[in-house]
Amino acid sequence: MLQSCFLSWVRSVAQLSAGEIVAID
C-alpha cells in the first residue's frame, strides 16, 4: 500500500518518454 502511494506520486511528477532507460537492479 505504501508503494502504491509512492507510485501515484512518481507518476504525478514524471512522465517517462519514449526511449527512457529503466534499469532494474
PDB file of all heavy atoms in Angstrom:
ATOM      1  N   MET A   1       0.835  -1.207   0.000  1.00  0.00           N
ATOM      2  CA  MET A   1       0.000   0.000   0.000  1.00  0.00           C
ATOM      3  C   MET A   1       0.868   1.255   0.000  1.00  0.00           C
ATOM      4  O   MET A   1       0.550   2.239  -0.672  1.00  0.00           O
ATOM      5  CB  MET A   1      -0.912  -0.006   1.226  1.00  0.00           C
ATOM      6  CG  MET A   1      -1.992  -1.066   1.189  1.00  0.00           C
ATOM      7  SD  MET A   1      -3.085  -0.968   2.637  1.00  0.00           S
ATOM      8  CE  MET A   1      -4.210  -2.338   2.281  1.00  0.00           C
ATOM      9  N   LEU A   2       1.960   1.222   0.769  1.00  0.00           N
ATOM     10  CA  LEU A   2       2.857   2.372   0.789  1.00  0.00           C
ATOM     11  C   LEU A   2       3.467   2.593  -0.588  1.00  0.00           C
ATOM     12  O   LEU A   2       3.570   3.728  -1.065  1.00  0.00           O
ATOM     13  CB  LEU A   2       3.957   2.165   1.834  1.00  0.00           C
ATOM     14  CG  LEU A   2       4.827   3.391   2.140  1.00  0.00           C
ATOM     15  CD1 LEU A   2       4.000   4.504   2.772  1.00  0.00           C
ATOM     16  CD2 LEU A   2       5.988   3.023   3.057  1.00  0.00           C
ATOM     17  N   GLN A   3       3.847   1.497  -1.257  1.00  0.00           N
ATOM     18  CA  GLN A   3       4.399   1.620  -2.605  1.00  0.00           C
ATOM     19  C   GLN A   3       3.361   2.153  -3.575  1.00  0.00           C
ATOM     20  O   GLN A   3       3.687   2.929  -4.480  1.00  0.00           O
ATOM     21  CB  GLN A   3       4.930   0.280  -3.101  1.00  0.00           C
ATOM     22  CG  GLN A   3       5.151   0.214  -4.615  1.00  0.00           C
ATOM     23  CD  GLN A   3       6.478  -0.357  -5.018  1.00  0.00           C
ATOM     24  OE1 GLN A   3       7.526   0.257  -4.845  1.00  0.00           O
ATOM     25  NE2 GLN A   3       6.440  -1.550  -5.562  1.00  0.00           N
ATOM     26  N   SER A   4       2.105   1.760  -3.404  1.00  0.00           N
ATOM     27  CA  SER A   4       1.047   2.269  -4.275  1.00  0.00           C
ATOM     28  C   SER A   4       0.952   3.786  -4.176  1.00  0.00           C
ATOM     29  O   SER A   4       0.801   4.480  -5.192  1.00  0.00           O
ATOM     30  CB  SER A   4      -0.291   1.625  -3.896  1.00  0.00           C
ATOM     31  OG  SER A   4      -1.328   2.117  -4.710  1.00  0.00           O
ATOM     32  N   CYS A   5       1.073   4.321  -2.974  1.00  0.00           N
ATOM     33  CA  CYS A   5       1.078   5.778  -2.788  1.00  0.00           C
ATOM     34  C   CYS A   5       2.314   6.391  -3.445  1.00  0.00           C
ATOM     35  O   CYS A   5       2.230   7.449  -4.090  1.00  0.00           O
ATOM     36  CB  CYS A   5       1.052   6.115  -1.304  1.00  0.00           C
ATOM     37  SG  CYS A   5      -0.407   5.531  -0.411  1.00  0.00           S
ATOM     38  N   PHE A   6       3.450   5.737  -3.274  1.00  0.00           N
ATOM     39  CA  PHE A   6       4.698   6.203  -3.875  1.00  0.00           C
ATOM     40  C   PHE A   6       4.578   6.257  -5.397  1.00  0.00           C
ATOM     41  O   PHE A   6       4.959   7.242  -6.041  1.00  0.00           O
ATOM     42  CB  PHE A   6       5.831   5.268  -3.453  1.00  0.00           C
ATOM     43  CG  PHE A   6       7.139   5.507  -4.147  1.00  0.00           C
ATOM     44  CD1 PHE A   6       7.981   6.537  -3.766  1.00  0.00           C
ATOM     45  CD2 PHE A   6       7.546   4.684  -5.196  1.00  0.00           C
ATOM     46  CE1 PHE A   6       9.190   6.753  -4.405  1.00  0.00           C
ATOM     47  CE2 PHE A   6       8.751   4.889  -5.840  1.00  0.00           C
ATOM     48  CZ  PHE A   6       9.574   5.924  -5.446  1.00  0.00           C
ATOM     49  N   LEU A   7       4.026   5.186  -5.988  1.00  0.00           N
ATOM     50  CA  LEU A   7       3.874   5.134  -7.449  1.00  0.00           C
ATOM     51  C   LEU A   7       2.944   6.235  -7.935  1.00  0.00           C
ATOM     52  O   LEU A   7       3.179   6.844  -8.988  1.00  0.00           O
ATOM     53  CB  LEU A   7       3.348   3.764  -7.870  1.00  0.00           C
ATOM     54  CG  LEU A   7       4.296   2.581  -7.680  1.00  0.00           C
ATOM     55  CD1 LEU A   7       3.559   1.265  -7.883  1.00  0.00           C
ATOM     56  CD2 LEU A   7       5.463   2.670  -8.646  1.00  0.00           C
ATOM     57  N   SER A   8       1.876   6.484  -7.179  1.00  0.00           N
ATOM     58  CA  SER A   8       0.956   7.557  -7.544  1.00  0.00           C
ATOM     59  C   SER A   8       1.686   8.890  -7.602  1.00  0.00           C
ATOM     60  O   SER A   8       1.494   9.692  -8.526  1.00  0.00           O
ATOM     61  CB  SER A   8      -0.189   7.618  -6.524  1.00  0.00           C
ATOM     62  OG  SER A   8      -0.992   8.760  -6.727  1.00  0.00           O
ATOM     63  N   TRP A   9       2.540   9.129  -6.620  1.00  0.00           N
ATOM     64  CA  TRP A   9       3.307  10.378  -6.594  1.00  0.00           C
ATOM     65  C   TRP A   9       4.306  10.447  -7.742  1.00  0.00           C
ATOM     66  O   TRP A   9       4.398  11.469  -8.432  1.00  0.00           O
ATOM     67  CB  TRP A   9       4.024  10.517  -5.256  1.00  0.00           C
ATOM     68  CG  TRP A   9       5.027  11.629  -5.256  1.00  0.00           C
ATOM     69  CD1 TRP A   9       4.766  12.958  -5.361  1.00  0.00           C
ATOM     70  CD2 TRP A   9       6.454  11.497  -5.187  1.00  0.00           C
ATOM     71  NE1 TRP A   9       5.947  13.677  -5.353  1.00  0.00           N
ATOM     72  CE2 TRP A   9       6.991  12.805  -5.248  1.00  0.00           C
ATOM     73  CE3 TRP A   9       7.309  10.413  -5.065  1.00  0.00           C
ATOM     74  CZ2 TRP A   9       8.360  13.044  -5.206  1.00  0.00           C
ATOM     75  CZ3 TRP A   9       8.669  10.639  -5.012  1.00  0.00           C
ATOM     76  CH2 TRP A   9       9.194  11.951  -5.086  1.00  0.00           C
ATOM     77  N   VAL A  10       5.061   9.367  -7.970  1.00  0.00           N
ATOM     78  CA  VAL A  10       6.059   9.365  -9.046  1.00  0.00           C
ATOM     79  C   VAL A  10       5.400   9.663 -10.383  1.00  0.00           C
ATOM     80  O   VAL A  10       5.916  10.451 -11.189  1.00  0.00           O
ATOM     81  CB  VAL A  10       6.803   8.014  -9.086  1.00  0.00           C
ATOM     82  CG1 VAL A  10       7.615   7.888 -10.383  1.00  0.00           C
ATOM     83  CG2 VAL A  10       7.729   7.870  -7.891  1.00  0.00           C
ATOM     84  N   ARG A  11       4.252   9.053 -10.631  1.00  0.00           N
ATOM     85  CA  ARG A  11       3.567   9.277 -11.909  1.00  0.00           C
ATOM     86  C   ARG A  11       3.078  10.701 -12.055  1.00  0.00           C
ATOM     87  O   ARG A  11       2.892  11.194 -13.170  1.00  0.00           O
ATOM     88  CB  ARG A  11       2.407   8.294 -12.044  1.00  0.00           C
ATOM     89  CG  ARG A  11       2.870   6.851 -12.271  1.00  0.00           C
ATOM     90  CD  ARG A  11       1.746   5.866 -12.092  1.00  0.00           C
ATOM     91  NE  ARG A  11       2.233   4.491 -12.237  1.00  0.00           N
ATOM     92  CZ  ARG A  11       1.617   3.424 -11.774  1.00  0.00           C
ATOM     93  NH1 ARG A  11       0.468   3.562 -11.127  1.00  0.00           N
ATOM     94  NH2 ARG A  11       2.126   2.220 -11.946  1.00  0.00           N
ATOM     95  N   SER A  12       2.874  11.371 -10.927  1.00  0.00           N
ATOM     96  CA  SER A  12       2.412  12.765 -10.982  1.00  0.00           C
ATOM     97  C   SER A  12       3.545  13.734 -11.269  1.00  0.00           C
ATOM     98  O   SER A  12       3.303  14.858 -11.713  1.00  0.00           O
ATOM     99  CB  SER A  12       1.722  13.149  -9.667  1.00  0.00           C
ATOM    100  OG  SER A  12       2.665  13.347  -8.629  1.00  0.00           O
ATOM    101  N   VAL A  13       4.782  13.335 -10.995  1.00  0.00           N
ATOM    102  CA  VAL A  13       5.909  14.256 -11.156  1.00  0.00           C
ATOM    103  C   VAL A  13       6.784  13.916 -12.357  1.00  0.00           C
ATOM    104  O   VAL A  13       7.649  14.712 -12.730  1.00  0.00           O
ATOM    105  CB  VAL A  13       6.795  14.298  -9.886  1.00  0.00           C
ATOM    106  CG1 VAL A  13       5.995  14.803  -8.705  1.00  0.00           C
ATOM    107  CG2 VAL A  13       7.412  12.936  -9.589  1.00  0.00           C
ATOM    108  N   ALA A  14       6.582  12.753 -12.971  1.00  0.00           N
ATOM    109  CA  ALA A  14       7.437  12.374 -14.100  1.00  0.00           C
ATOM    110  C   ALA A  14       6.645  11.580 -15.119  1.00  0.00           C
ATOM    111  O   ALA A  14       5.900  10.661 -14.765  1.00  0.00           O
ATOM    112  CB  ALA A  14       8.625  11.538 -13.613  1.00  0.00           C
ATOM    113  N   GLN A  15       6.793  11.955 -16.363  1.00  0.00           N
ATOM    114  CA  GLN A  15       6.206  11.216 -17.473  1.00  0.00           C
ATOM    115  C   GLN A  15       7.348  10.581 -18.248  1.00  0.00           C
ATOM    116  O   GLN A  15       8.176  11.280 -18.840  1.00  0.00           O
ATOM    117  CB  GLN A  15       5.407  12.156 -18.391  1.00  0.00           C
ATOM    118  CG  GLN A  15       4.720  11.449 -19.550  1.00  0.00           C
ATOM    119  CD  GLN A  15       3.594  10.530 -19.085  1.00  0.00           C
ATOM    120  OE1 GLN A  15       2.813  10.904 -18.216  1.00  0.00           O
ATOM    121  NE2 GLN A  15       3.522   9.351 -19.658  1.00  0.00           N
ATOM    122  N   LEU A  16       7.418   9.247 -18.230  1.00  0.00           N
ATOM    123  CA  LEU A  16       8.509   8.568 -18.921  1.00  0.00           C
ATOM    124  C   LEU A  16       8.317   8.710 -20.421  1.00  0.00           C
ATOM    125  O   LEU A  16       7.284   8.335 -20.965  1.00  0.00           O
ATOM    126  CB  LEU A  16       8.562   7.088 -18.527  1.00  0.00           C
ATOM    127  CG  LEU A  16       8.761   6.783 -17.044  1.00  0.00           C
ATOM    128  CD1 LEU A  16       8.983   5.296 -16.837  1.00  0.00           C
ATOM    129  CD2 LEU A  16       9.929   7.571 -16.472  1.00  0.00           C
ATOM    130  N   SER A  17       9.323   9.246 -21.081  1.00  0.00           N
ATOM    131  CA  SER A  17       9.247   9.465 -22.518  1.00  0.00           C
ATOM    132  C   SER A  17       9.739   8.242 -23.268  1.00  0.00           C
ATOM    133  O   SER A  17      10.382   7.349 -22.705  1.00  0.00           O
ATOM    134  CB  SER A  17      10.087  10.690 -22.902  1.00  0.00           C
ATOM    135  OG  SER A  17      11.429  10.511 -22.481  1.00  0.00           O
ATOM    136  N   ALA A  18       9.431   8.194 -24.558  1.00  0.00           N
ATOM    137  CA  ALA A  18       9.889   7.086 -25.391  1.00  0.00           C
ATOM    138  C   ALA A  18      11.411   7.033 -25.372  1.00  0.00           C
ATOM    139  O   ALA A  18      12.081   8.052 -25.503  1.00  0.00           O
ATOM    140  CB  ALA A  18       9.381   7.265 -26.820  1.00  0.00           C
ATOM    141  N   GLY A  19      11.937   5.833 -25.187  1.00  0.00           N
ATOM    142  CA  GLY A  19      13.378   5.662 -25.143  1.00  0.00           C
ATOM    143  C   GLY A  19      13.981   5.780 -23.762  1.00  0.00           C
ATOM    144  O   GLY A  19      15.196   5.612 -23.606  1.00  0.00           O
ATOM    145  N   GLU A  20      13.167   6.073 -22.737  1.00  0.00           N
ATOM    146  CA  GLU A  20      13.668   6.140 -21.363  1.00  0.00           C
ATOM    147  C   GLU A  20      14.276   4.799 -20.971  1.00  0.00           C
ATOM    148  O   GLU A  20      13.704   3.738 -21.209  1.00  0.00           O
ATOM    149  CB  GLU A  20      12.531   6.477 -20.407  1.00  0.00           C
ATOM    150  CG  GLU A  20      12.888   6.413 -18.928  1.00  0.00           C
ATOM    151  CD  GLU A  20      13.705   7.613 -18.470  1.00  0.00           C
ATOM    152  OE1 GLU A  20      13.134   8.712 -18.341  1.00  0.00           O
ATOM    153  OE2 GLU A  20      14.910   7.427 -18.232  1.00  0.00           O
ATOM    154  N   ILE A  21      15.484   4.842 -20.400  1.00  0.00           N
ATOM    155  CA  ILE A  21      16.144   3.638 -19.916  1.00  0.00           C
ATOM    156  C   ILE A  21      15.666   3.363 -18.494  1.00  0.00           C
ATOM    157  O   ILE A  21      15.855   4.197 -17.607  1.00  0.00           O
ATOM    158  CB  ILE A  21      17.677   3.763 -19.931  1.00  0.00           C
ATOM    159  CG1 ILE A  21      18.177   4.251 -21.294  1.00  0.00           C
ATOM    160  CG2 ILE A  21      18.326   2.430 -19.541  1.00  0.00           C
ATOM    161  CD1 ILE A  21      17.893   3.339 -22.438  1.00  0.00           C
ATOM    162  N   VAL A  22      15.040   2.213 -18.296  1.00  0.00           N
ATOM    163  CA  VAL A  22      14.604   1.798 -16.963  1.00  0.00           C
ATOM    164  C   VAL A  22      15.506   0.649 -16.524  1.00  0.00           C
ATOM    165  O   VAL A  22      15.421  -0.462 -17.046  1.00  0.00           O
ATOM    166  CB  VAL A  22      13.129   1.353 -16.959  1.00  0.00           C
ATOM    167  CG1 VAL A  22      12.731   0.842 -15.573  1.00  0.00           C
ATOM    168  CG2 VAL A  22      12.222   2.504 -17.389  1.00  0.00           C
ATOM    169  N   ALA A  23      16.399   0.942 -15.602  1.00  0.00           N
ATOM    170  CA  ALA A  23      17.363  -0.051 -15.123  1.00  0.00           C
ATOM    171  C   ALA A  23      16.780  -0.779 -13.919  1.00  0.00           C
ATOM    172  O   ALA A  23      16.280  -0.157 -12.985  1.00  0.00           O
ATOM    173  CB  ALA A  23      18.679   0.620 -14.750  1.00  0.00           C
ATOM    174  N   ILE A  24      16.860  -2.102 -13.951  1.00  0.00           N
ATOM    175  CA  ILE A  24      16.397  -2.941 -12.852  1.00  0.00           C
ATOM    176  C   ILE A  24      17.620  -3.590 -12.210  1.00  0.00           C
ATOM    177  O   ILE A  24      18.417  -4.240 -12.893  1.00  0.00           O
ATOM    178  CB  ILE A  24      15.438  -4.040 -13.336  1.00  0.00           C
ATOM    179  CG1 ILE A  24      14.300  -3.448 -14.183  1.00  0.00           C
ATOM    180  CG2 ILE A  24      14.901  -4.843 -12.162  1.00  0.00           C
ATOM    181  CD1 ILE A  24      13.327  -2.607 -13.433  1.00  0.00           C
ATOM    182  N   ASP A  25      17.758  -3.424 -10.897  1.00  0.00           N
ATOM    183  CA  ASP A  25      18.933  -3.985 -10.228  1.00  0.00           C
ATOM    184  C   ASP A  25      18.611  -4.217  -8.756  1.00  0.00           C
ATOM    185  O   ASP A  25      17.724  -3.576  -8.189  1.00  0.00           O
ATOM    186  CB  ASP A  25      20.127  -3.033 -10.365  1.00  0.00           C
ATOM    187  CG  ASP A  25      21.449  -3.718 -10.048  1.00  0.00           C
ATOM    188  OD1 ASP A  25      21.593  -4.911 -10.369  1.00  0.00           O
ATOM    189  OD2 ASP A  25      22.335  -3.059  -9.480  1.00  0.00           O
TER     190      ASP A  25
END
